Protein backbone atom coordinates (compact mmCIF):
# COMPACT_ATOMS: atom_id res chain seq x y z
CA MET A 1 -0.25 -0.09 0.17
CA ILE A 2 1.05 3.57 -0.42
CA PRO A 3 2.51 4.86 2.80
CA ARG A 4 1.07 6.98 5.14
CA THR A 5 2.56 10.36 5.79
CA LEU A 6 0.15 11.00 8.80
CA PHE A 7 1.73 9.95 11.65
CA ASP A 8 5.11 11.41 13.00
CA GLU A 9 7.34 9.34 15.50
CA GLU A 10 5.73 10.78 18.26
CA HIS A 11 2.73 9.33 16.59
CA GLU A 12 4.27 5.98 16.45
CA ILE A 13 6.27 5.81 20.22
CA PHE A 14 2.58 6.20 21.08
CA ARG A 15 0.85 3.40 18.74
CA ALA A 16 3.35 0.90 20.56
CA SER A 17 2.54 1.80 24.07
CA VAL A 18 -1.21 1.40 22.97
CA ARG A 19 -0.26 -1.99 21.40
CA ARG A 20 1.36 -3.43 23.92
CA PHE A 21 -1.89 -1.95 26.45
CA VAL A 22 -4.78 -3.55 24.24
CA GLU A 23 -2.01 -7.04 23.73
CA GLN A 24 -1.46 -6.65 27.99
CA GLU A 25 -4.52 -6.08 29.61
CA ILE A 26 -7.82 -5.91 26.79
CA VAL A 27 -6.83 -9.69 24.40
CA PRO A 28 -6.71 -11.72 27.59
CA HIS A 29 -9.76 -10.57 28.91
CA HIS A 30 -12.37 -9.34 25.58
CA ALA A 31 -13.34 -13.36 26.01
CA ASP A 32 -14.99 -13.17 29.69
CA TRP A 33 -15.82 -9.25 29.04
CA GLU A 34 -18.03 -10.76 26.54
CA LYS A 35 -19.77 -13.80 28.50
CA ALA A 36 -20.13 -10.50 31.19
CA GLY A 37 -21.76 -8.50 29.08
CA MET A 38 -19.83 -5.65 29.76
CA VAL A 39 -15.84 -4.43 30.28
CA PRO A 40 -15.32 -3.39 34.38
CA ARG A 41 -14.50 -0.26 35.63
CA ALA A 42 -10.76 -1.15 36.86
CA ALA A 43 -10.22 -2.03 33.06
CA TRP A 44 -11.55 2.06 32.92
CA LEU A 45 -8.86 3.14 35.38
CA LYS A 46 -6.20 1.67 33.24
CA ALA A 47 -6.80 3.14 30.24
CA GLY A 48 -6.81 5.76 32.01
CA GLN A 49 -3.44 5.67 33.55
CA ALA A 50 -2.03 4.33 30.26
CA GLY A 51 -3.00 7.52 28.28
CA LEU A 52 -5.91 5.73 25.86
CA LEU A 53 -8.54 7.90 27.39
CA CYS A 54 -9.64 11.28 26.02
CA CYS A 55 -6.67 11.98 23.97
CA ASN A 56 -7.12 15.33 22.75
CA VAL A 57 -8.88 16.70 25.72
CA PRO A 58 -6.93 19.84 26.79
CA GLU A 59 -3.92 19.00 29.52
CA ALA A 60 -6.05 22.26 31.94
CA TYR A 61 -9.13 19.28 31.81
CA GLY A 62 -6.74 16.58 32.48
CA GLY A 63 -6.23 14.81 29.45
CA MET A 64 -3.15 14.56 26.83
CA GLY A 65 -3.64 17.90 24.84
CA GLY A 66 -2.79 15.39 22.11
CA THR A 67 -5.24 15.83 18.37
CA PHE A 68 -7.66 13.48 17.03
CA LEU A 69 -4.53 11.86 15.52
CA HIS A 70 -3.64 10.54 18.44
CA SER A 71 -7.24 9.06 19.49
CA ALA A 72 -7.44 7.83 15.83
CA VAL A 73 -4.45 5.73 17.24
CA VAL A 74 -6.38 4.05 20.28
CA ILE A 75 -9.20 3.13 17.65
CA GLU A 76 -7.16 1.72 14.88
CA GLU A 77 -5.41 -0.56 17.60
CA LEU A 78 -8.61 -1.65 19.00
CA ALA A 79 -9.66 -2.62 16.12
CA ARG A 80 -6.65 -4.65 14.57
CA ALA A 81 -6.85 -6.33 17.91
CA GLY A 82 -10.60 -7.49 17.40
CA ALA A 83 -10.98 -5.37 20.59
CA THR A 84 -14.75 -3.65 20.63
CA GLY A 85 -15.47 -4.08 24.37
CA PRO A 86 -14.49 -1.03 25.20
CA ALA A 87 -16.27 1.85 24.43
CA PHE A 88 -13.49 4.17 24.78
CA SER A 89 -13.85 6.16 21.33
CA LEU A 90 -17.29 6.67 22.49
CA HIS A 91 -16.44 8.27 25.99
CA SER A 92 -12.91 9.59 24.70
CA ASP A 93 -14.14 10.97 20.94
CA ILE A 94 -18.19 11.75 21.11
CA VAL A 95 -19.05 12.20 24.45
CA ALA A 96 -16.40 14.64 26.19
CA PRO A 97 -15.86 16.58 23.06
CA TYR A 98 -19.35 18.42 23.62
CA ILE A 99 -18.33 19.07 27.01
CA VAL A 100 -15.05 20.45 25.46
CA ALA A 101 -17.02 22.31 22.55
CA TYR A 102 -19.87 23.55 24.91
CA GLY A 103 -19.68 23.20 28.16
CA THR A 104 -18.53 25.76 30.79
CA GLU A 105 -15.45 26.27 32.98
CA GLU A 106 -17.31 24.50 35.30
CA GLN A 107 -18.52 21.68 33.99
CA LYS A 108 -15.42 20.64 32.38
CA GLN A 109 -13.39 21.18 35.17
CA ARG A 110 -15.62 19.36 37.42
CA TRP A 111 -15.99 16.10 34.29
CA LEU A 112 -13.06 16.25 32.00
CA PRO A 113 -10.42 15.34 34.64
CA GLY A 114 -12.42 12.21 35.83
CA MET A 115 -13.55 11.01 32.59
CA ALA A 116 -10.03 11.12 31.32
CA SER A 117 -8.60 8.83 34.23
CA GLY A 118 -11.73 6.71 33.71
CA ALA A 119 -13.12 7.90 36.84
CA ALA A 120 -16.02 9.50 35.28
CA LEU A 121 -17.50 7.19 32.31
CA GLY A 122 -19.78 9.12 30.04
CA ALA A 123 -22.36 8.19 27.50
CA ILE A 124 -24.51 10.23 25.02
CA ALA A 125 -28.45 9.84 24.35
CA MET A 126 -30.17 11.08 21.58
CA THR A 127 -32.17 7.56 19.91
CA GLU A 128 -35.69 6.76 20.95
CA PRO A 129 -37.40 3.74 20.70
CA SER A 130 -39.68 5.54 18.42
CA GLY A 131 -37.36 6.89 15.97
CA GLY A 132 -33.60 7.09 15.08
CA SER A 133 -31.58 8.92 12.70
CA ASP A 134 -34.82 11.08 13.33
CA LEU A 135 -33.78 13.71 15.48
CA LYS A 136 -36.32 16.19 15.26
CA SER A 137 -39.05 13.45 16.58
CA MET A 138 -37.51 13.09 20.06
CA ARG A 139 -40.04 13.49 22.86
CA THR A 140 -38.44 13.24 25.82
CA SER A 141 -39.02 16.40 26.96
CA ALA A 142 -36.93 18.92 29.88
CA VAL A 143 -39.51 21.49 31.26
CA ARG A 144 -37.81 24.44 33.19
CA ASP A 145 -39.10 24.88 37.17
CA GLY A 146 -37.37 27.60 38.65
CA ASP A 147 -34.05 27.34 38.33
CA SER A 148 -34.45 23.27 37.46
CA PHE A 149 -35.13 21.47 34.29
CA VAL A 150 -37.69 18.51 34.75
CA ILE A 151 -36.83 15.85 32.61
CA ASN A 152 -39.28 12.85 31.44
CA GLY A 153 -39.10 10.17 28.87
CA GLN A 154 -36.63 6.71 27.38
CA LYS A 155 -33.80 6.73 25.19
CA VAL A 156 -32.48 3.48 23.93
CA PHE A 157 -29.28 1.68 22.10
CA ILE A 158 -27.51 3.41 24.78
CA THR A 159 -23.59 2.65 24.83
CA ASN A 160 -21.79 3.07 28.41
CA ALA A 161 -25.51 3.51 30.18
CA GLN A 162 -24.58 0.62 32.81
CA GLY A 163 -21.47 1.97 34.07
CA ALA A 164 -21.60 6.19 33.22
CA ASP A 165 -21.64 8.70 35.29
CA ILE A 166 -22.60 11.85 33.32
CA ILE A 167 -24.96 11.35 29.95
CA VAL A 168 -24.98 14.07 27.15
CA LEU A 169 -28.69 14.40 26.78
CA ALA A 170 -30.82 15.20 23.46
CA CYS A 171 -34.01 16.34 24.68
CA LYS A 172 -36.82 18.68 23.57
CA THR A 173 -36.82 22.10 26.02
CA ASP A 174 -40.02 23.52 23.30
CA PRO A 175 -41.28 20.52 21.90
CA ALA A 176 -44.06 22.65 20.14
CA ALA A 177 -40.48 24.33 17.68
CA GLY A 178 -39.65 21.32 16.89
CA TYR A 179 -35.50 20.77 15.87
CA LYS A 180 -34.85 24.03 16.86
CA GLY A 181 -36.26 23.36 20.70
CA ILE A 182 -34.04 20.52 21.12
CA SER A 183 -31.31 21.29 23.93
CA LEU A 184 -28.16 19.20 25.00
CA ILE A 185 -28.60 18.89 29.29
CA LEU A 186 -25.64 16.68 31.31
CA VAL A 187 -27.80 14.21 33.21
CA GLU A 188 -25.85 12.71 36.28
CA THR A 189 -26.63 9.37 36.48
CA ASP A 190 -27.57 8.75 40.68
CA ARG A 191 -29.65 11.28 40.42
CA PRO A 192 -33.84 10.15 41.74
CA GLY A 193 -35.92 9.13 38.72
CA PHE A 194 -33.44 7.83 36.20
CA SER A 195 -33.12 4.16 35.66
CA LEU A 196 -31.97 1.71 34.10
CA GLY A 197 -33.34 -0.44 32.05
CA ARG A 198 -32.65 -3.83 30.42
CA ARG A 199 -29.13 -3.93 29.02
CA LEU A 200 -29.64 -5.56 25.67
CA GLU A 201 -28.27 -8.53 23.54
CA LYS A 202 -26.86 -7.63 20.77
CA VAL A 203 -25.53 -9.85 17.79
CA GLY A 204 -21.83 -8.64 18.13
CA TYR A 205 -20.20 -6.25 20.06
CA LYS A 206 -21.37 -8.60 23.20
CA ALA A 207 -19.04 -6.49 25.46
CA GLN A 208 -19.71 -3.61 24.86
CA ASP A 209 -22.90 -3.15 27.52
CA THR A 210 -25.89 -1.42 25.33
CA SER A 211 -29.08 -0.65 27.42
CA GLU A 212 -32.62 1.61 27.81
CA ILE A 213 -32.81 4.37 30.35
CA PHE A 214 -35.44 5.88 31.95
CA PHE A 215 -36.46 9.63 32.90
CA SER A 216 -39.04 10.27 35.36
CA ASP A 217 -39.33 13.49 36.78
CA VAL A 218 -34.96 13.68 37.15
CA ARG A 219 -34.81 17.77 38.38
CA VAL A 220 -31.24 18.98 37.16
CA PRO A 221 -29.84 22.59 37.53
CA VAL A 222 -30.34 24.53 34.79
CA SER A 223 -26.55 24.62 35.37
CA ASN A 224 -26.63 21.25 33.03
CA LEU A 225 -27.57 22.83 30.10
CA LEU A 226 -24.49 22.45 27.41
CA GLY A 227 -24.39 24.87 25.38
CA VAL A 228 -27.47 27.05 24.46
CA GLU A 229 -30.88 26.12 25.05
CA GLY A 230 -33.04 25.75 21.23
CA ARG A 231 -29.12 24.80 20.09
CA GLY A 232 -29.21 21.29 20.99
CA PHE A 233 -29.16 19.80 17.13
CA TYR A 234 -27.36 22.16 15.66
CA GLN A 235 -24.70 20.96 18.13
CA LEU A 236 -25.22 17.72 17.49
CA MET A 237 -25.16 18.03 13.94
CA ASN A 238 -21.52 19.59 13.90
CA GLN A 239 -20.24 16.89 15.85
CA LEU A 240 -21.13 14.22 14.11
CA ALA A 241 -18.56 14.28 11.54
CA GLN A 242 -16.14 13.48 13.98
CA GLU A 243 -18.46 10.18 15.28
CA ARG A 244 -18.82 9.53 11.48
CA LEU A 245 -15.17 9.80 11.38
CA VAL A 246 -14.98 7.54 14.22
CA GLN A 247 -16.15 4.71 12.39
CA ALA A 248 -14.55 4.79 9.17
CA VAL A 249 -11.16 4.41 11.43
CA LYS A 250 -12.08 1.79 13.20
CA SER A 251 -14.23 0.13 10.36
CA ILE A 252 -10.78 0.14 7.59
CA ALA A 253 -8.97 -0.71 11.13
CA ALA A 254 -11.21 -3.48 11.23
CA ALA A 255 -11.09 -4.16 7.79
CA GLU A 256 -7.14 -4.76 7.82
CA ALA A 257 -7.56 -6.89 10.43
CA ALA A 258 -9.91 -9.51 9.25
CA LEU A 259 -7.78 -9.48 5.81
CA GLY A 260 -4.61 -10.16 7.66
CA TRP A 261 -5.90 -13.54 9.63
CA THR A 262 -7.82 -14.64 6.33
CA ILE A 263 -4.15 -14.33 4.23
CA ALA A 264 -2.74 -16.47 6.76
CA TYR A 265 -4.99 -18.43 7.42
CA VAL A 266 -5.25 -19.49 3.48
CA SER A 267 -1.55 -19.83 3.58
CA GLU A 268 -1.26 -22.54 6.32
CA ARG A 269 -4.70 -24.54 5.17
CA LYS A 270 -4.92 -27.43 2.84
CA ALA A 271 -7.77 -29.22 0.48
CA PHE A 272 -7.60 -31.30 -2.53
CA GLY A 273 -3.68 -31.13 -1.93
CA HIS A 274 -2.69 -27.47 -1.62
CA THR A 275 -3.30 -24.62 0.24
CA ILE A 276 -5.74 -22.75 -0.58
CA ALA A 277 -4.51 -19.87 -1.42
CA ASP A 278 -2.64 -21.21 -4.37
CA PHE A 279 -6.22 -21.46 -5.40
CA GLN A 280 -6.94 -19.13 -7.88
CA ASN A 281 -10.22 -17.73 -6.57
CA THR A 282 -8.73 -17.02 -2.92
CA GLN A 283 -5.84 -15.30 -5.05
CA PHE A 284 -8.74 -12.93 -6.82
CA LYS A 285 -10.93 -12.59 -3.87
CA LEU A 286 -8.33 -11.55 -1.77
CA ALA A 287 -6.68 -9.20 -4.61
CA ASP A 288 -10.11 -6.85 -4.71
CA LEU A 289 -10.29 -6.84 -0.47
CA HIS A 290 -6.96 -6.03 -0.35
CA ALA A 291 -7.40 -2.97 -3.82
CA GLY A 292 -10.45 -1.98 -2.18
CA ILE A 293 -8.71 -1.58 1.56
CA ALA A 294 -5.93 0.76 0.36
CA VAL A 295 -8.75 2.96 -1.93
CA CYS A 296 -10.29 3.51 1.38
CA ARG A 297 -7.31 3.70 3.85
CA SER A 298 -6.14 6.50 1.51
CA PHE A 299 -9.44 8.33 1.46
CA VAL A 300 -9.71 8.24 4.90
CA ASP A 301 -6.29 9.17 5.82
CA ARG A 302 -7.20 12.06 3.94
CA CYS A 303 -10.35 12.63 5.47
CA LEU A 304 -8.36 12.57 9.15
CA GLU A 305 -6.24 15.28 7.34
CA GLN A 306 -8.57 17.37 6.96
CA HIS A 307 -10.36 17.15 10.18
CA GLU A 308 -6.87 18.00 12.08
CA GLN A 309 -6.91 21.23 9.64
CA GLY A 310 -10.99 22.21 11.15
CA LYS A 311 -11.60 21.42 7.44
CA LEU A 312 -13.75 17.89 7.46
CA ASP A 313 -17.38 18.48 6.41
CA SER A 314 -20.20 16.98 6.83
CA VAL A 315 -20.65 15.60 3.20
CA ASP A 316 -16.70 13.90 3.42
CA ALA A 317 -17.24 12.16 6.43
CA ALA A 318 -20.28 10.47 5.13
CA ILE A 319 -18.32 9.29 2.09
CA ALA A 320 -16.27 8.04 4.20
CA LYS A 321 -18.45 6.72 7.10
CA LEU A 322 -20.09 4.91 3.92
CA GLN A 323 -17.16 3.48 2.23
CA THR A 324 -16.00 1.89 4.61
CA THR A 325 -18.38 0.52 6.59
CA GLU A 326 -19.77 -0.67 3.55
CA LEU A 327 -16.50 -2.62 2.19
CA LEU A 328 -15.80 -3.89 6.26
CA GLY A 329 -18.91 -5.72 5.49
CA ARG A 330 -18.53 -7.11 2.56
CA THR A 331 -14.44 -8.27 3.48
CA VAL A 332 -15.54 -10.17 6.50
CA ASP A 333 -18.16 -12.13 4.83
CA ASP A 334 -15.84 -13.26 2.35
CA CYS A 335 -13.36 -13.62 4.90
CA VAL A 336 -15.66 -16.32 6.43
CA GLN A 337 -15.98 -17.91 3.14
CA LEU A 338 -12.69 -18.48 2.69
CA PHE A 339 -12.13 -19.48 6.39
CA GLY A 340 -14.88 -22.53 5.27
CA GLY A 341 -16.52 -23.89 8.29
CA TRP A 342 -13.76 -22.41 10.61
CA GLY A 343 -14.75 -19.42 9.72
CA TYR A 344 -18.24 -19.65 11.30
CA MET A 345 -17.24 -20.47 14.84
CA TRP A 346 -17.11 -18.39 17.71
CA GLU A 347 -13.86 -19.33 18.82
CA MET A 348 -12.23 -17.65 15.94
CA PRO A 349 -12.26 -14.10 15.43
CA ILE A 350 -13.17 -13.91 12.17
CA ALA A 351 -16.10 -15.27 13.28
CA ARG A 352 -16.42 -12.49 16.17
CA ALA A 353 -15.88 -9.57 13.42
CA PHE A 354 -18.53 -11.08 11.34
CA ALA A 355 -20.73 -10.81 13.86
CA ASP A 356 -19.66 -7.31 15.13
CA SER A 357 -19.28 -5.35 11.49
CA ARG A 358 -23.14 -5.18 10.96
CA MET A 359 -23.44 -2.33 13.73
CA ALA A 360 -21.13 -0.01 11.62
CA ARG A 361 -23.48 0.46 8.86
CA LEU A 362 -25.95 1.65 11.72
CA ALA A 363 -24.00 3.61 14.34
CA ALA A 364 -24.18 7.63 13.79
CA GLY A 365 -26.66 6.95 11.06
CA THR A 366 -27.28 4.54 8.84
CA SER A 367 -25.62 3.86 5.42
CA GLU A 368 -29.35 5.08 3.92
CA VAL A 369 -29.05 8.52 5.78
CA MET A 370 -25.02 8.55 4.62
CA ARG A 371 -26.27 8.67 1.46
CA GLN A 372 -29.33 11.06 1.67
CA ILE A 373 -26.79 13.56 3.03
CA ILE A 374 -24.48 12.68 -0.25
CA GLY A 375 -27.07 12.71 -3.11
CA ARG A 376 -28.73 15.91 -1.14
CA GLU A 377 -25.04 17.22 -2.25
CA ILE A 378 -24.26 16.22 -5.78
CA LEU A 379 -28.10 17.04 -7.17
CA PRO A 380 -29.15 20.60 -7.99
CA ARG A 381 -31.37 22.35 -5.22
CA HIS A 382 -35.04 23.46 -6.37
């Protein structure tokens, strides 16, 4: 492949330390976490101590003061190992940026140091049972009552909910105003009226807890408002480019890992007196996958460069997310086929990758939503 020029020596030193941490502290325990259905807090604290959390949070708030490229290193190394359990990227690169971008000084000082250390876990709550990508239709409400908001409603598919200490909640502060009535509010999970629903049993990502959450007259101070009241929709849209880039970085790294496992397997596995790699079908399949990954990798790296410069727009992020997640799905499906029956056994990393990869086309906006974003950009407006 074309050499990557995105990362400098300091990034590669960081990558080596992240890789050691993943191999020593995550991979040996991941199967147990899958059975338990969540990652223990002790693992988060170790990750925080090792500098894997909130990489691009400023040092003044407990982070390492790096950039999103440091976050990308963590995302890639977890994906390379097939470690889908720890939701480090959601916590660090989706939840924390809302507080960095829109939080008051008090909110930043209160929450970011704990998030960087792993002592405080974050989650974000947007999706509701009645709608996913259609944020305008959300029903969860926050009604002003003096110096408080009183919150009622429910959310679903909330990652990290079981251990979360703080939730960035998208809700309606003005139900009559449509998307202009959406606000973001920080909700501590120990407040009366907040409750966890069942931990949902997913097809993949089995070590990553995902739950329903409920709000019944949950009272929070007005000072918990994140940013400006009624600007929540715009705040969400501004952050979604990075969220989609997270999925793209993760997906291309996971596809590279799946291809690597498959090349190693077919080079050793024999059938009809030959290795599976000797057959033309195998060579053609792997060549197509390698070529697709190489092209997507170059585009994702270019998007990372643009993001570092503050120039990544929503359309390019949607293209990256669409292409890499669709490629990942094709890659793991073809790789399972080349593994044969063993590819369907849970003990094999490729089988777990097959189950895990399907979520990529749903998270951070479905493939259909990505196509809609791209289509609106390229078609003439009437």
